[in-house]
Structures are given as structure tokens and as C-alpha cells.
N, C-alpha and C. Protein backbone atom coordinates (compact mmCIF):
# COMPACT_ATOMS: atom_id res chain seq x y z
N MET A 1 1.52 -21.13 8.74
CA MET A 1 2.23 -20.19 7.90
C MET A 1 3.20 -19.34 8.72
N PHE A 2 2.73 -18.77 9.85
CA PHE A 2 3.60 -17.95 10.67
C PHE A 2 4.65 -18.78 11.38
N GLU A 3 4.36 -20.06 11.61
CA GLU A 3 5.36 -20.92 12.22
C GLU A 3 6.58 -21.03 11.33
N ARG A 4 6.37 -21.10 10.00
CA ARG A 4 7.50 -21.13 9.07
C ARG A 4 8.29 -19.83 9.11
N LEU A 5 7.60 -18.72 9.23
CA LEU A 5 8.28 -17.43 9.34
C LEU A 5 9.11 -17.36 10.61
N ILE A 6 8.54 -17.84 11.71
CA ILE A 6 9.26 -17.83 12.98
C ILE A 6 10.52 -18.68 12.87
N HIS A 7 10.38 -19.87 12.26
CA HIS A 7 11.53 -20.76 12.10
C HIS A 7 12.60 -20.13 11.21
N LYS A 8 12.17 -19.49 10.14
CA LYS A 8 13.10 -18.90 9.17
C LYS A 8 13.69 -17.59 9.66
N HIS A 9 12.92 -16.82 10.45
CA HIS A 9 13.35 -15.50 10.91
C HIS A 9 13.14 -15.37 12.42
N PRO A 10 13.88 -16.12 13.23
CA PRO A 10 13.66 -16.04 14.69
C PRO A 10 13.93 -14.66 15.26
N GLU A 11 14.78 -13.85 14.59
CA GLU A 11 15.07 -12.50 15.09
C GLU A 11 13.83 -11.62 15.09
N LEU A 12 12.87 -11.95 14.23
CA LEU A 12 11.63 -11.18 14.15
C LEU A 12 10.82 -11.30 15.43
N TYR A 13 11.00 -12.39 16.15
CA TYR A 13 10.16 -12.69 17.30
C TYR A 13 10.88 -12.63 18.64
N LYS A 14 12.13 -12.14 18.63
CA LYS A 14 12.87 -12.01 19.89
C LYS A 14 12.37 -10.83 20.70
N ASP A 15 12.04 -9.77 20.03
CA ASP A 15 11.59 -8.55 20.69
C ASP A 15 10.16 -8.26 20.26
N ASP A 16 9.79 -6.99 20.35
CA ASP A 16 8.48 -6.60 19.88
C ASP A 16 8.40 -6.83 18.37
N LEU A 17 7.20 -6.99 17.87
CA LEU A 17 6.95 -7.26 16.46
C LEU A 17 6.61 -5.96 15.75
N TRP A 18 7.19 -5.74 14.57
CA TRP A 18 6.86 -4.58 13.75
C TRP A 18 6.01 -5.03 12.57
N ILE A 19 4.95 -4.30 12.31
CA ILE A 19 4.05 -4.55 11.18
C ILE A 19 4.12 -3.31 10.28
N PHE A 20 4.25 -3.52 8.96
CA PHE A 20 4.24 -2.39 8.03
C PHE A 20 2.84 -2.22 7.46
N GLY A 21 2.28 -1.02 7.62
CA GLY A 21 0.97 -0.68 7.08
C GLY A 21 1.09 0.30 5.94
N TYR A 22 0.34 0.08 4.86
CA TYR A 22 0.46 0.94 3.68
C TYR A 22 -0.89 1.36 3.10
N ALA A 23 -2.00 0.82 3.58
CA ALA A 23 -3.33 1.19 3.06
C ALA A 23 -4.30 1.31 4.25
N SER A 24 -5.27 0.41 4.36
CA SER A 24 -6.26 0.56 5.43
C SER A 24 -5.66 0.44 6.83
N LEU A 25 -4.52 -0.25 6.97
CA LEU A 25 -3.88 -0.30 8.29
C LEU A 25 -3.44 1.09 8.73
N LEU A 26 -3.23 2.01 7.80
CA LEU A 26 -2.84 3.38 8.16
C LEU A 26 -3.93 4.08 8.96
N TRP A 27 -5.18 3.92 8.56
CA TRP A 27 -6.27 4.64 9.20
C TRP A 27 -7.18 3.75 10.04
N ASN A 28 -7.01 2.43 9.92
CA ASN A 28 -7.83 1.50 10.68
C ASN A 28 -7.01 0.25 11.00
N PRO A 29 -5.97 0.38 11.86
CA PRO A 29 -5.15 -0.80 12.11
C PRO A 29 -5.94 -1.96 12.72
N GLY A 30 -6.83 -1.67 13.65
CA GLY A 30 -7.67 -2.72 14.21
C GLY A 30 -6.97 -3.62 15.21
N PHE A 31 -5.75 -3.29 15.60
CA PHE A 31 -5.03 -4.11 16.57
C PHE A 31 -4.28 -3.21 17.55
N HIS A 32 -4.00 -3.77 18.72
CA HIS A 32 -3.28 -3.03 19.75
C HIS A 32 -1.82 -2.88 19.33
N HIS A 33 -1.32 -1.65 19.38
CA HIS A 33 0.09 -1.40 19.11
C HIS A 33 0.58 -0.32 20.08
N ASN A 34 1.87 -0.40 20.39
CA ASN A 34 2.46 0.51 21.35
C ASN A 34 2.99 1.78 20.71
N GLU A 35 3.20 1.73 19.40
CA GLU A 35 3.83 2.84 18.72
C GLU A 35 3.53 2.74 17.23
N ALA A 36 3.44 3.89 16.58
CA ALA A 36 3.30 3.95 15.12
C ALA A 36 4.25 5.03 14.62
N ARG A 37 5.13 4.65 13.70
CA ARG A 37 6.12 5.59 13.16
C ARG A 37 6.01 5.66 11.65
N PRO A 38 6.26 6.84 11.05
CA PRO A 38 6.39 6.89 9.59
C PRO A 38 7.51 5.93 9.18
N ALA A 39 7.27 5.19 8.10
CA ALA A 39 8.22 4.15 7.69
C ALA A 39 8.27 4.04 6.18
N ARG A 40 9.37 3.47 5.69
CA ARG A 40 9.53 3.20 4.27
C ARG A 40 10.10 1.80 4.11
N ILE A 41 9.62 1.12 3.06
CA ILE A 41 10.21 -0.15 2.68
C ILE A 41 10.70 -0.02 1.23
N TYR A 42 11.63 -0.86 0.88
CA TYR A 42 12.20 -0.86 -0.47
C TYR A 42 11.93 -2.20 -1.14
N GLY A 43 11.76 -2.14 -2.47
CA GLY A 43 11.52 -3.36 -3.24
C GLY A 43 10.05 -3.60 -3.56
N PHE A 44 9.17 -2.78 -2.98
CA PHE A 44 7.72 -2.91 -3.20
C PHE A 44 7.10 -1.52 -3.27
N HIS A 45 6.00 -1.41 -4.00
CA HIS A 45 5.26 -0.15 -4.07
C HIS A 45 3.78 -0.43 -3.85
N ARG A 46 3.05 0.59 -3.42
CA ARG A 46 1.61 0.51 -3.20
C ARG A 46 0.91 0.60 -4.55
N ALA A 47 0.00 -0.32 -4.82
CA ALA A 47 -0.74 -0.30 -6.09
C ALA A 47 -2.16 -0.82 -5.87
N LEU A 48 -3.10 -0.28 -6.62
CA LEU A 48 -4.46 -0.82 -6.63
C LEU A 48 -4.44 -2.04 -7.56
N CYS A 49 -4.07 -3.17 -7.00
CA CYS A 49 -3.81 -4.35 -7.83
C CYS A 49 -4.53 -5.60 -7.36
N VAL A 50 -5.49 -5.45 -6.44
CA VAL A 50 -6.20 -6.61 -5.90
C VAL A 50 -7.70 -6.42 -6.07
N ARG A 51 -8.32 -7.35 -6.77
CA ARG A 51 -9.79 -7.37 -6.85
C ARG A 51 -10.31 -7.93 -5.53
N SER A 52 -11.11 -7.14 -4.85
CA SER A 52 -11.60 -7.51 -3.52
C SER A 52 -12.99 -8.11 -3.61
N TRP A 53 -13.13 -9.34 -3.12
CA TRP A 53 -14.47 -9.91 -3.04
C TRP A 53 -14.79 -10.42 -1.64
N VAL A 54 -13.97 -10.03 -0.67
CA VAL A 54 -14.26 -10.36 0.72
C VAL A 54 -14.65 -9.10 1.50
N HIS A 55 -13.81 -8.07 1.44
CA HIS A 55 -14.04 -6.88 2.26
C HIS A 55 -14.74 -5.73 1.53
N ARG A 56 -14.34 -5.42 0.31
CA ARG A 56 -14.83 -4.22 -0.38
C ARG A 56 -15.52 -4.51 -1.70
N GLY A 57 -16.00 -5.74 -1.84
CA GLY A 57 -16.72 -6.13 -3.04
C GLY A 57 -17.27 -7.53 -2.86
N THR A 58 -17.79 -8.08 -3.93
CA THR A 58 -18.29 -9.46 -3.93
C THR A 58 -17.70 -10.18 -5.14
N ARG A 59 -17.90 -11.47 -5.23
CA ARG A 59 -17.43 -12.21 -6.41
C ARG A 59 -18.14 -11.71 -7.67
N GLN A 60 -19.41 -11.35 -7.54
CA GLN A 60 -20.16 -10.87 -8.69
C GLN A 60 -19.73 -9.46 -9.09
N ARG A 61 -19.35 -8.65 -8.11
CA ARG A 61 -18.93 -7.28 -8.37
C ARG A 61 -17.74 -6.95 -7.46
N PRO A 62 -16.55 -7.38 -7.87
CA PRO A 62 -15.37 -7.14 -7.03
C PRO A 62 -15.04 -5.65 -6.92
N GLY A 63 -14.51 -5.30 -5.77
CA GLY A 63 -13.95 -3.97 -5.58
C GLY A 63 -12.48 -4.00 -5.97
N LEU A 64 -11.76 -2.96 -5.63
CA LEU A 64 -10.34 -2.86 -5.96
C LEU A 64 -9.61 -2.27 -4.75
N VAL A 65 -8.62 -3.01 -4.25
CA VAL A 65 -7.90 -2.57 -3.06
C VAL A 65 -6.39 -2.57 -3.32
N PHE A 66 -5.67 -1.96 -2.40
CA PHE A 66 -4.22 -1.84 -2.53
C PHE A 66 -3.51 -3.14 -2.17
N GLY A 67 -2.37 -3.32 -2.80
CA GLY A 67 -1.45 -4.38 -2.45
C GLY A 67 -0.04 -3.84 -2.57
N LEU A 68 0.90 -4.53 -1.95
CA LEU A 68 2.32 -4.22 -2.15
C LEU A 68 2.78 -5.04 -3.33
N ASP A 69 3.12 -4.38 -4.42
CA ASP A 69 3.56 -5.06 -5.64
C ASP A 69 5.07 -4.85 -5.79
N ILE A 70 5.67 -5.67 -6.60
CA ILE A 70 7.12 -5.68 -6.78
C ILE A 70 7.62 -4.38 -7.40
N GLY A 71 8.75 -3.87 -6.87
CA GLY A 71 9.44 -2.73 -7.45
C GLY A 71 9.24 -1.44 -6.69
N GLY A 72 10.27 -0.61 -6.68
CA GLY A 72 10.17 0.73 -6.10
C GLY A 72 10.29 0.73 -4.59
N SER A 73 9.57 1.67 -3.98
CA SER A 73 9.55 1.77 -2.53
C SER A 73 8.16 2.24 -2.11
N CYS A 74 7.91 2.16 -0.82
CA CYS A 74 6.59 2.53 -0.32
C CYS A 74 6.73 3.17 1.05
N VAL A 75 6.06 4.31 1.23
CA VAL A 75 6.02 4.97 2.52
C VAL A 75 4.69 4.62 3.18
N GLY A 76 4.77 4.30 4.46
CA GLY A 76 3.58 3.97 5.24
C GLY A 76 3.88 4.19 6.70
N ARG A 77 3.46 3.22 7.53
CA ARG A 77 3.73 3.29 8.97
C ARG A 77 4.24 1.95 9.46
N GLY A 78 5.16 2.04 10.41
CA GLY A 78 5.59 0.86 11.15
C GLY A 78 4.86 0.85 12.48
N PHE A 79 4.19 -0.26 12.76
CA PHE A 79 3.46 -0.41 14.02
C PHE A 79 4.22 -1.38 14.92
N ARG A 80 4.54 -0.94 16.11
CA ARG A 80 5.24 -1.81 17.06
C ARG A 80 4.22 -2.48 17.97
N VAL A 81 4.28 -3.81 17.97
CA VAL A 81 3.37 -4.63 18.77
C VAL A 81 4.19 -5.30 19.87
N ALA A 82 3.80 -5.09 21.11
CA ALA A 82 4.51 -5.68 22.25
C ALA A 82 4.40 -7.20 22.19
N ARG A 83 5.44 -7.85 22.71
CA ARG A 83 5.47 -9.32 22.71
C ARG A 83 4.20 -9.91 23.32
N ALA A 84 3.67 -9.28 24.36
CA ALA A 84 2.49 -9.80 25.04
C ALA A 84 1.26 -9.85 24.12
N HIS A 85 1.23 -9.01 23.10
CA HIS A 85 0.08 -8.93 22.20
C HIS A 85 0.32 -9.59 20.84
N ARG A 86 1.53 -10.07 20.62
CA ARG A 86 1.93 -10.58 19.31
C ARG A 86 1.01 -11.67 18.77
N LYS A 87 0.72 -12.69 19.55
CA LYS A 87 -0.11 -13.82 19.08
C LYS A 87 -1.50 -13.33 18.68
N LYS A 88 -2.11 -12.51 19.53
CA LYS A 88 -3.46 -12.01 19.25
C LYS A 88 -3.47 -11.17 17.97
N VAL A 89 -2.45 -10.31 17.81
CA VAL A 89 -2.37 -9.46 16.62
C VAL A 89 -2.15 -10.30 15.37
N LEU A 90 -1.28 -11.28 15.44
CA LEU A 90 -1.04 -12.14 14.27
C LEU A 90 -2.29 -12.92 13.90
N ASP A 91 -3.01 -13.43 14.89
CA ASP A 91 -4.28 -14.13 14.59
C ASP A 91 -5.26 -13.19 13.90
N TYR A 92 -5.35 -11.96 14.39
CA TYR A 92 -6.24 -10.98 13.78
C TYR A 92 -5.83 -10.69 12.33
N LEU A 93 -4.53 -10.49 12.10
CA LEU A 93 -4.06 -10.16 10.76
C LEU A 93 -4.21 -11.33 9.79
N ILE A 94 -4.06 -12.55 10.29
CA ILE A 94 -4.30 -13.72 9.43
C ILE A 94 -5.74 -13.70 8.93
N GLU A 95 -6.67 -13.46 9.84
CA GLU A 95 -8.09 -13.42 9.44
C GLU A 95 -8.38 -12.26 8.50
N ARG A 96 -7.81 -11.11 8.77
CA ARG A 96 -8.09 -9.90 7.98
C ARG A 96 -7.41 -9.93 6.61
N GLU A 97 -6.14 -10.31 6.56
CA GLU A 97 -5.35 -10.17 5.33
C GLU A 97 -5.24 -11.43 4.49
N LEU A 98 -5.43 -12.59 5.08
CA LEU A 98 -5.16 -13.83 4.34
C LEU A 98 -6.41 -14.63 4.01
N ALA A 99 -7.56 -13.99 3.99
CA ALA A 99 -8.83 -14.68 3.78
C ALA A 99 -8.88 -15.45 2.46
N THR A 100 -8.28 -14.91 1.40
CA THR A 100 -8.36 -15.58 0.09
C THR A 100 -7.00 -16.02 -0.43
N GLY A 101 -5.93 -15.70 0.28
CA GLY A 101 -4.59 -16.08 -0.17
C GLY A 101 -3.97 -15.14 -1.20
N VAL A 102 -4.58 -13.98 -1.43
CA VAL A 102 -4.03 -13.05 -2.42
C VAL A 102 -2.80 -12.32 -1.86
N TYR A 103 -2.67 -12.28 -0.54
CA TYR A 103 -1.49 -11.70 0.09
C TYR A 103 -0.69 -12.82 0.75
N LYS A 104 0.63 -12.60 0.83
CA LYS A 104 1.47 -13.51 1.60
C LYS A 104 2.28 -12.67 2.58
N PRO A 105 2.43 -13.16 3.82
CA PRO A 105 3.26 -12.43 4.77
C PRO A 105 4.72 -12.54 4.38
N GLN A 106 5.43 -11.44 4.49
CA GLN A 106 6.85 -11.44 4.13
C GLN A 106 7.63 -10.60 5.12
N VAL A 107 8.78 -11.08 5.52
CA VAL A 107 9.65 -10.34 6.42
C VAL A 107 10.49 -9.38 5.57
N ILE A 108 10.47 -8.10 5.96
CA ILE A 108 11.17 -7.06 5.22
C ILE A 108 11.88 -6.12 6.18
N ASN A 109 12.77 -5.31 5.65
CA ASN A 109 13.39 -4.25 6.44
C ASN A 109 12.46 -3.05 6.42
N VAL A 110 12.09 -2.58 7.61
CA VAL A 110 11.24 -1.41 7.76
C VAL A 110 12.13 -0.27 8.24
N HIS A 111 12.25 0.77 7.41
CA HIS A 111 13.11 1.91 7.70
C HIS A 111 12.28 3.03 8.31
N MET A 112 12.68 3.45 9.51
CA MET A 112 11.98 4.52 10.22
C MET A 112 13.03 5.55 10.63
N ASN A 113 13.27 6.54 9.75
CA ASN A 113 14.37 7.49 9.90
C ASN A 113 15.68 6.71 9.99
N ALA A 114 16.47 6.92 11.02
CA ALA A 114 17.75 6.21 11.13
C ALA A 114 17.55 4.83 11.77
N TYR A 115 16.34 4.51 12.09
CA TYR A 115 15.98 3.29 12.80
C TYR A 115 15.52 2.25 11.80
N ARG A 116 16.05 1.03 11.86
CA ARG A 116 15.62 -0.02 10.94
C ARG A 116 15.38 -1.30 11.72
N ARG A 117 14.25 -1.94 11.42
CA ARG A 117 13.88 -3.19 12.07
C ARG A 117 13.34 -4.16 11.03
N LYS A 118 13.47 -5.44 11.33
CA LYS A 118 12.78 -6.45 10.54
C LYS A 118 11.31 -6.34 10.90
N GLY A 119 10.46 -6.43 9.90
CA GLY A 119 9.03 -6.32 10.14
C GLY A 119 8.25 -7.22 9.21
N LEU A 120 6.97 -7.26 9.43
CA LEU A 120 6.08 -8.11 8.65
C LEU A 120 5.23 -7.23 7.75
N ALA A 121 5.16 -7.60 6.48
CA ALA A 121 4.30 -6.91 5.52
C ALA A 121 3.51 -7.96 4.76
N PHE A 122 2.41 -7.53 4.18
CA PHE A 122 1.58 -8.42 3.38
C PHE A 122 1.71 -8.00 1.92
N VAL A 123 2.34 -8.88 1.14
CA VAL A 123 2.71 -8.62 -0.25
C VAL A 123 1.74 -9.37 -1.16
N VAL A 124 1.37 -8.76 -2.28
CA VAL A 124 0.43 -9.39 -3.20
C VAL A 124 1.09 -10.58 -3.91
N CYS A 125 0.31 -11.62 -4.13
CA CYS A 125 0.75 -12.79 -4.90
C CYS A 125 0.36 -12.53 -6.36
N ARG A 126 1.35 -12.31 -7.21
CA ARG A 126 1.08 -11.93 -8.60
C ARG A 126 0.43 -13.05 -9.41
N ASP A 127 0.53 -14.29 -8.96
CA ASP A 127 -0.07 -15.39 -9.71
C ASP A 127 -1.47 -15.73 -9.19
N HIS A 128 -2.01 -14.94 -8.27
CA HIS A 128 -3.34 -15.18 -7.72
C HIS A 128 -4.41 -14.62 -8.66
N GLN A 129 -5.55 -15.26 -8.72
CA GLN A 129 -6.64 -14.82 -9.62
C GLN A 129 -7.17 -13.43 -9.29
N GLN A 130 -6.95 -12.94 -8.09
CA GLN A 130 -7.43 -11.60 -7.73
C GLN A 130 -6.46 -10.49 -8.14
N TYR A 131 -5.24 -10.85 -8.53
CA TYR A 131 -4.25 -9.85 -8.92
C TYR A 131 -4.62 -9.26 -10.27
N VAL A 132 -4.50 -7.93 -10.36
CA VAL A 132 -4.80 -7.23 -11.60
C VAL A 132 -3.82 -6.07 -11.74
N ARG A 133 -3.47 -5.77 -12.98
CA ARG A 133 -2.62 -4.60 -13.22
C ARG A 133 -2.95 -4.04 -14.60
N GLY A 134 -2.45 -2.83 -14.83
CA GLY A 134 -2.62 -2.22 -16.13
C GLY A 134 -3.94 -1.51 -16.35
N LEU A 135 -4.70 -1.28 -15.28
CA LEU A 135 -5.98 -0.58 -15.43
C LEU A 135 -5.73 0.93 -15.53
N SER A 136 -6.53 1.59 -16.32
CA SER A 136 -6.46 3.05 -16.36
C SER A 136 -7.06 3.60 -15.06
N VAL A 137 -6.72 4.82 -14.72
CA VAL A 137 -7.27 5.42 -13.51
C VAL A 137 -8.79 5.57 -13.64
N GLU A 138 -9.28 5.79 -14.84
CA GLU A 138 -10.73 5.90 -15.05
C GLU A 138 -11.42 4.55 -14.79
N ARG A 139 -10.79 3.46 -15.23
CA ARG A 139 -11.37 2.13 -14.98
C ARG A 139 -11.30 1.80 -13.49
N GLU A 140 -10.21 2.16 -12.84
CA GLU A 140 -10.12 1.95 -11.39
C GLU A 140 -11.27 2.66 -10.69
N ALA A 141 -11.53 3.91 -11.08
CA ALA A 141 -12.60 4.68 -10.46
C ALA A 141 -13.97 4.01 -10.67
N GLU A 142 -14.21 3.47 -11.86
CA GLU A 142 -15.48 2.77 -12.13
C GLU A 142 -15.65 1.58 -11.21
N ILE A 143 -14.60 0.76 -11.10
CA ILE A 143 -14.66 -0.44 -10.26
C ILE A 143 -14.86 -0.05 -8.80
N ILE A 144 -14.10 0.92 -8.34
CA ILE A 144 -14.15 1.35 -6.94
C ILE A 144 -15.51 1.95 -6.61
N HIS A 145 -16.03 2.77 -7.50
CA HIS A 145 -17.33 3.40 -7.26
C HIS A 145 -18.44 2.35 -7.09
N ALA A 146 -18.35 1.24 -7.82
CA ALA A 146 -19.39 0.20 -7.77
C ALA A 146 -19.16 -0.81 -6.65
N GLY A 147 -17.96 -0.83 -6.07
CA GLY A 147 -17.62 -1.85 -5.07
C GLY A 147 -18.26 -1.61 -3.72
N GLN A 148 -18.85 -2.66 -3.18
CA GLN A 148 -19.47 -2.63 -1.85
C GLN A 148 -19.34 -4.03 -1.27
N GLY A 149 -18.82 -4.13 -0.06
CA GLY A 149 -18.65 -5.44 0.57
C GLY A 149 -18.98 -5.38 2.05
N PRO A 150 -18.76 -6.47 2.76
CA PRO A 150 -19.07 -6.52 4.19
C PRO A 150 -18.35 -5.46 5.02
N SER A 151 -17.18 -5.01 4.58
CA SER A 151 -16.44 -3.97 5.32
C SER A 151 -16.82 -2.57 4.88
N GLY A 152 -17.73 -2.46 3.92
CA GLY A 152 -18.20 -1.14 3.51
C GLY A 152 -17.92 -0.83 2.05
N ALA A 153 -18.12 0.44 1.72
CA ALA A 153 -17.97 0.90 0.35
C ALA A 153 -16.49 0.96 -0.04
N ASN A 154 -16.19 0.45 -1.22
CA ASN A 154 -14.83 0.48 -1.76
C ASN A 154 -14.34 1.92 -1.87
N ARG A 155 -15.25 2.79 -2.25
CA ARG A 155 -14.93 4.21 -2.42
C ARG A 155 -14.41 4.82 -1.12
N ASP A 156 -15.05 4.49 0.00
CA ASP A 156 -14.62 5.00 1.30
C ASP A 156 -13.22 4.49 1.65
N TYR A 157 -12.98 3.21 1.38
CA TYR A 157 -11.66 2.61 1.64
C TYR A 157 -10.56 3.39 0.90
N VAL A 158 -10.78 3.65 -0.38
CA VAL A 158 -9.76 4.34 -1.17
C VAL A 158 -9.61 5.79 -0.72
N LEU A 159 -10.72 6.49 -0.54
CA LEU A 159 -10.65 7.89 -0.12
C LEU A 159 -10.03 8.04 1.27
N ASN A 160 -10.36 7.15 2.19
CA ASN A 160 -9.75 7.19 3.52
C ASN A 160 -8.24 6.95 3.44
N THR A 161 -7.83 6.02 2.57
CA THR A 161 -6.40 5.74 2.42
C THR A 161 -5.67 6.93 1.82
N VAL A 162 -6.22 7.50 0.76
CA VAL A 162 -5.58 8.65 0.11
C VAL A 162 -5.52 9.84 1.07
N THR A 163 -6.57 10.07 1.82
CA THR A 163 -6.59 11.16 2.80
C THR A 163 -5.51 10.96 3.86
N GLU A 164 -5.35 9.73 4.34
CA GLU A 164 -4.32 9.46 5.35
C GLU A 164 -2.93 9.61 4.75
N LEU A 165 -2.74 9.19 3.51
CA LEU A 165 -1.45 9.39 2.85
C LEU A 165 -1.12 10.87 2.74
N GLU A 166 -2.11 11.67 2.40
CA GLU A 166 -1.91 13.12 2.32
C GLU A 166 -1.56 13.70 3.68
N ARG A 167 -2.19 13.19 4.74
CA ARG A 167 -1.86 13.64 6.10
C ARG A 167 -0.41 13.33 6.44
N LEU A 168 0.12 12.23 5.87
CA LEU A 168 1.51 11.85 6.08
C LEU A 168 2.47 12.62 5.17
N GLY A 169 1.90 13.48 4.32
CA GLY A 169 2.73 14.26 3.40
C GLY A 169 3.06 13.52 2.12
N ILE A 170 2.34 12.45 1.83
CA ILE A 170 2.59 11.65 0.63
C ILE A 170 1.64 12.12 -0.46
N ARG A 171 2.21 12.65 -1.52
CA ARG A 171 1.43 13.12 -2.67
C ARG A 171 1.72 12.22 -3.86
N ASP A 172 0.67 11.78 -4.51
CA ASP A 172 0.77 10.89 -5.66
C ASP A 172 -0.22 11.40 -6.70
N ARG A 173 0.29 11.80 -7.86
CA ARG A 173 -0.58 12.40 -8.89
C ARG A 173 -1.70 11.45 -9.32
N ARG A 174 -1.36 10.18 -9.48
CA ARG A 174 -2.38 9.22 -9.91
C ARG A 174 -3.48 9.09 -8.86
N LEU A 175 -3.09 8.98 -7.58
CA LEU A 175 -4.09 8.88 -6.52
C LEU A 175 -4.88 10.17 -6.37
N SER A 176 -4.25 11.31 -6.60
CA SER A 176 -4.98 12.58 -6.57
C SER A 176 -6.03 12.62 -7.67
N ARG A 177 -5.67 12.15 -8.85
CA ARG A 177 -6.63 12.08 -9.97
C ARG A 177 -7.77 11.12 -9.64
N LEU A 178 -7.42 9.97 -9.05
CA LEU A 178 -8.43 9.00 -8.66
C LEU A 178 -9.37 9.59 -7.62
N LYS A 179 -8.82 10.27 -6.63
CA LYS A 179 -9.63 10.91 -5.60
C LYS A 179 -10.61 11.91 -6.23
N SER A 180 -10.12 12.70 -7.17
CA SER A 180 -10.97 13.66 -7.85
C SER A 180 -12.11 12.96 -8.60
N LEU A 181 -11.80 11.87 -9.29
CA LEU A 181 -12.83 11.12 -10.02
C LEU A 181 -13.86 10.53 -9.05
N LEU A 182 -13.39 9.99 -7.93
CA LEU A 182 -14.31 9.38 -6.97
C LEU A 182 -15.18 10.43 -6.29
N LYS A 183 -14.64 11.58 -5.99
CA LYS A 183 -15.43 12.63 -5.34
C LYS A 183 -16.45 13.23 -6.31
N SER A 184 -16.16 13.20 -7.60
CA SER A 184 -17.10 13.77 -8.57
C SER A 184 -18.29 12.85 -8.81
N THR A 185 -18.23 11.61 -8.26
CA THR A 185 -19.34 10.67 -8.47
C THR A 185 -20.34 10.67 -7.33
N GLY A 186 -20.21 11.60 -6.39
CA GLY A 186 -21.20 11.68 -5.30
C GLY A 186 -20.55 11.99 -3.98
N GLY A 187 -21.35 12.04 -2.93
CA GLY A 187 -20.87 12.39 -1.60
C GLY A 187 -20.01 11.30 -0.99
N VAL A 188 -19.22 11.69 -0.05
CA VAL A 188 -18.32 10.77 0.64
C VAL A 188 -18.89 10.48 2.02
N SER A 189 -19.00 9.21 2.36
CA SER A 189 -19.36 8.88 3.74
C SER A 189 -18.08 8.86 4.55
N HIS A 190 -18.19 9.03 5.83
CA HIS A 190 -16.98 9.13 6.66
C HIS A 190 -16.80 7.90 7.54
N GLY A 191 -17.35 6.76 7.17
CA GLY A 191 -17.16 5.54 7.93
C GLY A 191 -15.84 4.88 7.63
N ALA A 192 -15.44 3.91 8.44
CA ALA A 192 -14.16 3.22 8.24
C ALA A 192 -14.23 2.25 7.17
């Protein structure tokens, strides 16, 4: 898969590699990077649109995680990965993000103030069986509260992401409402 990206976008691999993070990569990148900058991409927005049955849920009781969905823009972080670490980081991200095929890697423009670079983002596949949209915030909270997978509680994943977004100065009324609903259902653990 990445070989096709390299062939199609050789400029992406001439220098250091940029990765765009918008959810758990914000607070738990899990890979070596030389720099992390506030960043924005256009054409996609952050949405709780993926039923998780690998990391934050099971097939019997899926959790709900973020994806980059079509439309709008998204603020997150650009992570710069040195050429020496590129292969190892890409292998790690393939295992972490592409386990079920609900995400596809896509080359995008990552805007970091006046600085712009081609970067790699993981965009949701809208025709995948895990893709979901149109849920009320109350239904999202129910699914998230019940979700538990090998990577931990779905609730912790969402609360950690919202907390990190707030640290970046990103306020979202819907996510604030969701955070309030999730916190009213019990204590918060502080694990990753």
C-alpha cells in the first residue's frame, strides 16, 4: 500500500515524513518523531464515525472512535519523522491504523502556520462496514461508555482526545456535551 503512495507521491519521501494526528495520535503518538506542530488540514473533519472492534471495543460490543471524514477542516498536530525512522514508523502505523481497512492512508497538505508540507493522514473509508454517521450525541455516549477493547476503555480514549484538543485551544460544543455525558456516567481513569 505504501509502495503505491511512494510511487505516486515521491516528494513525500524525499525529506522527513510528516504525519497528521487528529485523535489518539495527539496524546499517544506511539512513534519516534523529531517535532510536533499545531496543524490544520482542509477537506476533512474529525468525527466519531468508526465503530471500533479492534482497539476500543469488540465485534459483539463495538466502541466508537474518531475518523477523518469528508468536508470542512480539522486542527490537530503535524509530526515530523526523520528519514532514518520513516520505515519503522510506517510499519507501526500500518499495524495500528490499518488493522481492519476502515482507514486509508492519504497524502494531504498539512498547514502549520505559514509552513505547508505534504503529509500522511488516515482517512475513513465511507463504504466500510465500520463507518457510521448520524448518531445523536446521547447515542454516541452510550456506545462509548460500554466500549472496552484491548487498548482500553473507549471512554478514556474519547476523554483523553477531548482533553488534548482543549489543551490545543480547540473548543467544540458537541464534544463538550459528549465529555459532560461521559463524565456523568462515572469516574475517569487516567490511562492511555
